[in-house]
């Protein structure tokens, strides 16, 4: 399930910011590596909600910084 979530997240990230899929790993930082602005993060959170049918807490991107952390969060939410 982790690979499926990661693959879907890669697609959503590519729709949000201009980045190569090859540059997206579990260790990729949203702000440092992808240079996502606050507006990018808001759009990204909405797309994640639509794609995975999970609610992203408003402070999520302050607590979690990497794609891997987001994958873990989504997996936990889907497992409930």
Protein backbone atom coordinates (compact mmCIF):
# COMPACT_ATOMS: atom_id res chain seq x y z
CA UNK A 1 0.00 0.00 0.00
CA UNK A 2 2.91 2.35 0.72
CA UNK A 3 4.13 2.13 -2.89
CA UNK A 4 0.66 2.92 -4.22
CA UNK A 5 0.30 5.93 -1.94
CA UNK A 6 3.80 7.13 -2.85
CA UNK A 7 3.12 6.79 -6.58
CA UNK A 8 -0.15 8.69 -6.32
CA UNK A 9 1.55 11.39 -4.24
CA UNK A 10 4.26 11.77 -6.88
CA UNK A 11 1.57 12.46 -9.45
CA UNK A 12 -0.18 15.02 -7.22
CA UNK A 13 3.12 16.78 -6.48
CA UNK A 14 3.95 16.97 -10.19
CA UNK A 15 0.53 18.58 -10.75
CA UNK A 16 1.31 21.16 -8.05
CA UNK A 17 4.95 22.10 -8.73
CA UNK A 18 7.31 21.70 -11.66
CA UNK A 19 9.53 18.80 -10.63
CA UNK A 20 10.81 15.57 -12.14
CA UNK A 21 9.27 12.36 -10.79
CA UNK A 22 12.82 11.01 -10.40
CA UNK A 23 13.56 13.81 -7.90
CA UNK A 24 10.76 12.69 -5.59
CA UNK A 25 11.82 10.30 -2.83
CA UNK A 26 10.59 9.50 0.66
CA UNK A 27 13.22 11.96 1.94
CA UNK A 28 12.22 14.89 -0.29
CA UNK A 29 11.38 17.98 1.79
CA UNK A 30 8.35 19.99 0.70
CA UNK A 31 9.87 23.39 1.46
CA UNK A 32 13.62 22.78 1.14
CA UNK A 33 13.70 20.50 -1.91
CA UNK A 34 10.48 21.42 -3.71
CA UNK A 35 10.46 25.10 -2.72
CA UNK A 36 6.71 24.94 -2.09
CA UNK A 37 5.19 28.25 -1.05
CA UNK A 38 2.32 28.55 1.41
CA UNK A 39 -0.08 28.77 -1.53
CA UNK A 40 1.46 25.65 -3.11
CA UNK A 41 1.07 23.79 0.19
CA UNK A 42 -2.58 24.85 0.49
CA UNK A 43 -3.32 23.68 -3.05
CA UNK A 44 -1.39 20.48 -2.43
CA UNK A 45 -3.38 19.79 0.76
CA UNK A 46 -6.66 20.21 -1.16
CA UNK A 47 -5.44 17.85 -3.88
CA UNK A 48 -4.40 15.27 -1.26
CA UNK A 49 -7.83 15.51 0.34
CA UNK A 50 -9.47 14.91 -3.05
CA UNK A 51 -7.07 12.14 -4.11
CA UNK A 52 -7.02 10.14 -0.88
CA UNK A 53 -10.23 11.25 0.84
CA UNK A 54 -8.35 12.21 4.01
CA UNK A 55 -8.31 15.49 5.89
CA UNK A 56 -4.94 17.18 6.17
CA UNK A 57 -4.68 19.14 9.46
CA UNK A 58 -3.94 22.85 9.01
CA UNK A 59 -0.62 22.57 10.83
CA UNK A 60 0.41 19.39 8.99
CA UNK A 61 3.23 20.95 6.99
CA UNK A 62 4.70 22.49 10.13
CA UNK A 63 4.86 19.10 11.82
CA UNK A 64 5.78 16.91 8.85
CA UNK A 65 8.36 17.93 6.30
CA UNK A 66 8.98 15.00 3.95
CA UNK A 67 7.05 12.93 1.44
CA UNK A 68 7.71 9.84 3.54
CA UNK A 69 6.07 11.41 6.57
CA UNK A 70 3.04 12.27 4.45
CA UNK A 71 2.88 8.71 3.08
CA UNK A 72 2.88 7.38 6.66
CA UNK A 73 0.13 9.80 7.66
CA UNK A 74 -2.07 8.84 4.71
CA UNK A 75 -1.49 5.13 5.31
CA UNK A 76 -2.49 5.52 8.97
CA UNK A 77 -5.59 7.53 8.06
CA UNK A 78 -6.68 5.00 5.43
CA UNK A 79 -6.19 2.18 7.94
CA UNK A 80 -8.73 3.62 10.37
